[in-house]
Amino acid sequence: MEGATSCRPGQYNRLMQPMYEPGDLAAMDPLVLMKNLDHVRMTSRRLSYILQQQVHLYTPTANELRDRIDSYVEAERQIEAEMARRQLRS
């Protein structure tokens, strides 16, 4: 099964499409990179809160929310990796 997906090592969910292309992240201004990091952190936490408050959700809806949270968590990891590569601190 090795090589079955085209995702890079270290991704949160190997089947998920990355939110940002590595070249796009590398080209971003440091301030924009930090603002995007803030945005994905706030969004993933807001969606987590919604999921916690609405435990009665129909299972497919809850799964969709979890998938959205996972995509934002992966975006957060992508941005953090780029910031580490540039040795930036948030």
N, C-alpha and C. Protein backbone atom coordinates (compact mmCIF):
# COMPACT_ATOMS: atom_id res chain seq x y z
N MET A 1 0.82 -1.20 0.00
CA MET A 1 0.00 0.00 0.00
C MET A 1 0.85 1.26 0.00
N GLU A 2 2.14 1.11 0.24
CA GLU A 2 3.00 2.28 0.26
C GLU A 2 2.94 2.98 -1.09
N GLY A 3 2.84 4.32 -1.06
CA GLY A 3 2.76 5.08 -2.29
C GLY A 3 1.37 5.12 -2.89
N ALA A 4 0.38 4.64 -2.15
CA ALA A 4 -0.98 4.60 -2.67
C ALA A 4 -1.59 5.99 -2.78
N THR A 5 -1.10 6.92 -1.98
CA THR A 5 -1.60 8.28 -2.06
C THR A 5 -0.47 9.21 -2.44
N SER A 6 -0.81 10.39 -2.93
CA SER A 6 0.21 11.33 -3.37
C SER A 6 0.51 12.39 -2.32
N CYS A 7 0.08 12.18 -1.08
CA CYS A 7 0.28 13.15 -0.02
C CYS A 7 1.69 13.07 0.53
N ARG A 8 2.15 14.18 1.03
CA ARG A 8 3.49 14.24 1.61
C ARG A 8 3.49 13.67 3.02
N PRO A 9 4.65 13.16 3.47
CA PRO A 9 4.72 12.64 4.84
C PRO A 9 4.44 13.76 5.84
N GLY A 10 3.85 13.39 6.96
CA GLY A 10 3.59 14.35 8.02
C GLY A 10 2.23 15.01 7.92
N GLN A 11 1.47 14.71 6.89
CA GLN A 11 0.14 15.30 6.81
C GLN A 11 -0.77 14.66 7.83
N TYR A 12 -1.69 15.45 8.36
CA TYR A 12 -2.62 14.99 9.40
C TYR A 12 -3.47 13.84 8.88
N ASN A 13 -4.05 14.02 7.72
CA ASN A 13 -4.89 13.00 7.11
C ASN A 13 -4.35 12.76 5.71
N ARG A 14 -3.78 11.63 5.46
CA ARG A 14 -3.07 11.37 4.21
C ARG A 14 -3.96 11.42 2.96
N LEU A 15 -5.26 11.28 3.12
CA LEU A 15 -6.16 11.31 1.96
C LEU A 15 -6.67 12.72 1.66
N MET A 16 -6.37 13.66 2.53
CA MET A 16 -6.88 15.02 2.41
C MET A 16 -6.05 15.85 1.43
N GLN A 17 -6.73 16.67 0.66
CA GLN A 17 -6.04 17.62 -0.21
C GLN A 17 -5.54 18.77 0.64
N PRO A 18 -4.28 19.19 0.47
CA PRO A 18 -3.79 20.32 1.27
C PRO A 18 -4.54 21.60 0.92
N MET A 19 -4.75 22.44 1.92
CA MET A 19 -5.44 23.70 1.71
C MET A 19 -4.56 24.69 0.95
N TYR A 20 -3.25 24.61 1.18
CA TYR A 20 -2.30 25.51 0.53
C TYR A 20 -1.27 24.71 -0.26
N GLU A 21 -0.90 25.23 -1.40
CA GLU A 21 0.19 24.64 -2.17
C GLU A 21 1.50 25.12 -1.56
N PRO A 22 2.52 24.24 -1.47
CA PRO A 22 3.80 24.65 -0.87
C PRO A 22 4.41 25.89 -1.52
N GLY A 23 4.29 26.02 -2.83
CA GLY A 23 4.83 27.20 -3.52
C GLY A 23 4.11 28.48 -3.12
N ASP A 24 2.79 28.37 -2.91
CA ASP A 24 2.02 29.53 -2.47
C ASP A 24 2.44 29.96 -1.07
N LEU A 25 2.64 28.98 -0.20
CA LEU A 25 3.08 29.31 1.16
C LEU A 25 4.46 29.95 1.14
N ALA A 26 5.35 29.42 0.32
CA ALA A 26 6.71 29.95 0.26
C ALA A 26 6.73 31.39 -0.27
N ALA A 27 5.75 31.74 -1.10
CA ALA A 27 5.71 33.08 -1.70
C ALA A 27 5.00 34.10 -0.81
N MET A 28 4.32 33.64 0.23
CA MET A 28 3.55 34.57 1.07
C MET A 28 4.46 35.46 1.91
N ASP A 29 4.01 36.70 2.05
CA ASP A 29 4.66 37.64 2.94
C ASP A 29 4.54 37.10 4.37
N PRO A 30 5.55 37.30 5.22
CA PRO A 30 5.46 36.78 6.59
C PRO A 30 4.23 37.26 7.36
N LEU A 31 3.82 38.50 7.16
CA LEU A 31 2.64 39.01 7.85
C LEU A 31 1.38 38.28 7.38
N VAL A 32 1.27 38.04 6.08
CA VAL A 32 0.12 37.31 5.54
C VAL A 32 0.12 35.88 6.06
N LEU A 33 1.30 35.28 6.14
CA LEU A 33 1.43 33.92 6.65
C LEU A 33 0.91 33.85 8.08
N MET A 34 1.29 34.81 8.91
CA MET A 34 0.83 34.83 10.31
C MET A 34 -0.67 35.09 10.42
N LYS A 35 -1.20 35.96 9.55
CA LYS A 35 -2.65 36.21 9.55
C LYS A 35 -3.41 34.95 9.13
N ASN A 36 -2.88 34.24 8.14
CA ASN A 36 -3.53 33.00 7.72
C ASN A 36 -3.48 31.96 8.83
N LEU A 37 -2.38 31.91 9.57
CA LEU A 37 -2.28 30.98 10.69
C LEU A 37 -3.33 31.31 11.74
N ASP A 38 -3.48 32.58 12.06
CA ASP A 38 -4.52 32.99 13.01
C ASP A 38 -5.90 32.58 12.52
N HIS A 39 -6.15 32.80 11.23
CA HIS A 39 -7.45 32.47 10.65
C HIS A 39 -7.75 30.98 10.75
N VAL A 40 -6.80 30.12 10.36
CA VAL A 40 -7.09 28.68 10.39
C VAL A 40 -7.22 28.18 11.82
N ARG A 41 -6.46 28.75 12.75
CA ARG A 41 -6.60 28.36 14.16
C ARG A 41 -7.98 28.74 14.69
N MET A 42 -8.40 29.97 14.44
CA MET A 42 -9.71 30.41 14.93
C MET A 42 -10.84 29.60 14.30
N THR A 43 -10.73 29.34 13.01
CA THR A 43 -11.78 28.60 12.32
C THR A 43 -11.89 27.18 12.81
N SER A 44 -10.76 26.50 12.98
CA SER A 44 -10.82 25.11 13.45
C SER A 44 -11.38 25.05 14.87
N ARG A 45 -11.04 26.00 15.70
CA ARG A 45 -11.56 26.01 17.07
C ARG A 45 -13.05 26.34 17.09
N ARG A 46 -13.47 27.26 16.22
CA ARG A 46 -14.89 27.60 16.15
C ARG A 46 -15.70 26.39 15.68
N LEU A 47 -15.20 25.68 14.67
CA LEU A 47 -15.90 24.49 14.19
C LEU A 47 -15.92 23.39 15.26
N SER A 48 -14.84 23.26 16.01
CA SER A 48 -14.81 22.28 17.10
C SER A 48 -15.86 22.62 18.15
N TYR A 49 -15.99 23.90 18.45
CA TYR A 49 -16.98 24.34 19.43
C TYR A 49 -18.39 24.02 18.92
N ILE A 50 -18.64 24.29 17.66
CA ILE A 50 -19.95 24.00 17.07
C ILE A 50 -20.23 22.50 17.18
N LEU A 51 -19.24 21.69 16.86
CA LEU A 51 -19.42 20.24 16.92
C LEU A 51 -19.72 19.79 18.36
N GLN A 52 -19.02 20.35 19.34
CA GLN A 52 -19.25 19.99 20.74
C GLN A 52 -20.65 20.39 21.20
N GLN A 53 -21.12 21.54 20.74
CA GLN A 53 -22.43 22.03 21.18
C GLN A 53 -23.58 21.33 20.48
N GLN A 54 -23.29 20.70 19.35
CA GLN A 54 -24.36 20.09 18.57
C GLN A 54 -24.12 18.59 18.43
N VAL A 55 -23.91 17.93 19.55
CA VAL A 55 -23.65 16.50 19.53
C VAL A 55 -24.84 15.70 19.00
N HIS A 56 -25.99 16.36 18.92
CA HIS A 56 -27.18 15.70 18.43
C HIS A 56 -27.23 15.65 16.90
N LEU A 57 -26.22 16.22 16.24
CA LEU A 57 -26.23 16.29 14.78
C LEU A 57 -26.35 14.91 14.14
N TYR A 58 -27.02 14.89 13.03
CA TYR A 58 -27.10 13.69 12.21
C TYR A 58 -25.67 13.29 11.85
N THR A 59 -25.34 12.03 11.93
CA THR A 59 -23.96 11.55 11.78
C THR A 59 -23.25 12.07 10.53
N PRO A 60 -23.85 12.05 9.34
CA PRO A 60 -23.12 12.59 8.19
C PRO A 60 -22.76 14.07 8.35
N THR A 61 -23.63 14.83 8.99
CA THR A 61 -23.35 16.25 9.22
C THR A 61 -22.18 16.41 10.19
N ALA A 62 -22.19 15.61 11.24
CA ALA A 62 -21.08 15.65 12.20
C ALA A 62 -19.78 15.22 11.53
N ASN A 63 -19.84 14.21 10.68
CA ASN A 63 -18.63 13.77 9.97
C ASN A 63 -18.12 14.85 9.03
N GLU A 64 -19.03 15.57 8.40
CA GLU A 64 -18.63 16.67 7.52
C GLU A 64 -17.92 17.77 8.32
N LEU A 65 -18.46 18.08 9.49
CA LEU A 65 -17.81 19.07 10.36
C LEU A 65 -16.42 18.60 10.77
N ARG A 66 -16.29 17.31 11.11
CA ARG A 66 -14.98 16.77 11.48
C ARG A 66 -13.99 16.87 10.32
N ASP A 67 -14.46 16.60 9.11
CA ASP A 67 -13.59 16.71 7.94
C ASP A 67 -13.14 18.15 7.73
N ARG A 68 -14.04 19.11 7.93
CA ARG A 68 -13.67 20.52 7.81
C ARG A 68 -12.65 20.91 8.87
N ILE A 69 -12.86 20.42 10.09
CA ILE A 69 -11.90 20.69 11.17
C ILE A 69 -10.54 20.11 10.80
N ASP A 70 -10.53 18.88 10.30
CA ASP A 70 -9.27 18.24 9.90
C ASP A 70 -8.54 19.05 8.83
N SER A 71 -9.29 19.60 7.87
CA SER A 71 -8.64 20.37 6.82
C SER A 71 -8.00 21.64 7.38
N TYR A 72 -8.65 22.28 8.35
CA TYR A 72 -8.07 23.47 8.96
C TYR A 72 -6.88 23.13 9.85
N VAL A 73 -6.94 21.99 10.53
CA VAL A 73 -5.80 21.55 11.33
C VAL A 73 -4.61 21.27 10.43
N GLU A 74 -4.86 20.64 9.29
CA GLU A 74 -3.78 20.38 8.33
C GLU A 74 -3.21 21.69 7.79
N ALA A 75 -4.07 22.66 7.50
CA ALA A 75 -3.59 23.96 7.02
C ALA A 75 -2.73 24.63 8.09
N GLU A 76 -3.13 24.51 9.34
CA GLU A 76 -2.34 25.06 10.44
C GLU A 76 -0.95 24.43 10.47
N ARG A 77 -0.89 23.12 10.29
CA ARG A 77 0.40 22.43 10.27
C ARG A 77 1.25 22.86 9.08
N GLN A 78 0.62 23.05 7.92
CA GLN A 78 1.35 23.50 6.74
C GLN A 78 1.99 24.87 7.01
N ILE A 79 1.19 25.78 7.53
CA ILE A 79 1.69 27.14 7.79
C ILE A 79 2.78 27.12 8.85
N GLU A 80 2.58 26.34 9.91
CA GLU A 80 3.60 26.25 10.95
C GLU A 80 4.91 25.69 10.40
N ALA A 81 4.83 24.72 9.50
CA ALA A 81 6.03 24.15 8.89
C ALA A 81 6.75 25.20 8.05
N GLU A 82 5.99 26.00 7.30
CA GLU A 82 6.59 27.06 6.49
C GLU A 82 7.23 28.12 7.39
N MET A 83 6.57 28.47 8.47
CA MET A 83 7.13 29.45 9.40
C MET A 83 8.41 28.91 10.04
N ALA A 84 8.42 27.62 10.36
CA ALA A 84 9.63 27.02 10.94
C ALA A 84 10.75 27.03 9.90
N ARG A 85 10.40 26.75 8.64
CA ARG A 85 11.41 26.77 7.58
C ARG A 85 12.05 28.14 7.47
N ARG A 86 11.23 29.18 7.62
CA ARG A 86 11.73 30.56 7.54
C ARG A 86 12.25 31.07 8.87
N GLN A 87 12.08 30.27 9.91
CA GLN A 87 12.47 30.62 11.28
C GLN A 87 11.72 31.87 11.77
N LEU A 88 10.41 31.90 11.48
CA LEU A 88 9.53 32.97 11.94
C LEU A 88 8.83 32.52 13.21
N ARG A 89 8.51 33.46 14.05
CA ARG A 89 7.75 33.14 15.26
C ARG A 89 6.42 33.91 15.21
N SER A 90 5.36 33.23 15.68
CA SER A 90 4.04 33.92 15.67
C SER A 90 3.81 34.67 16.95
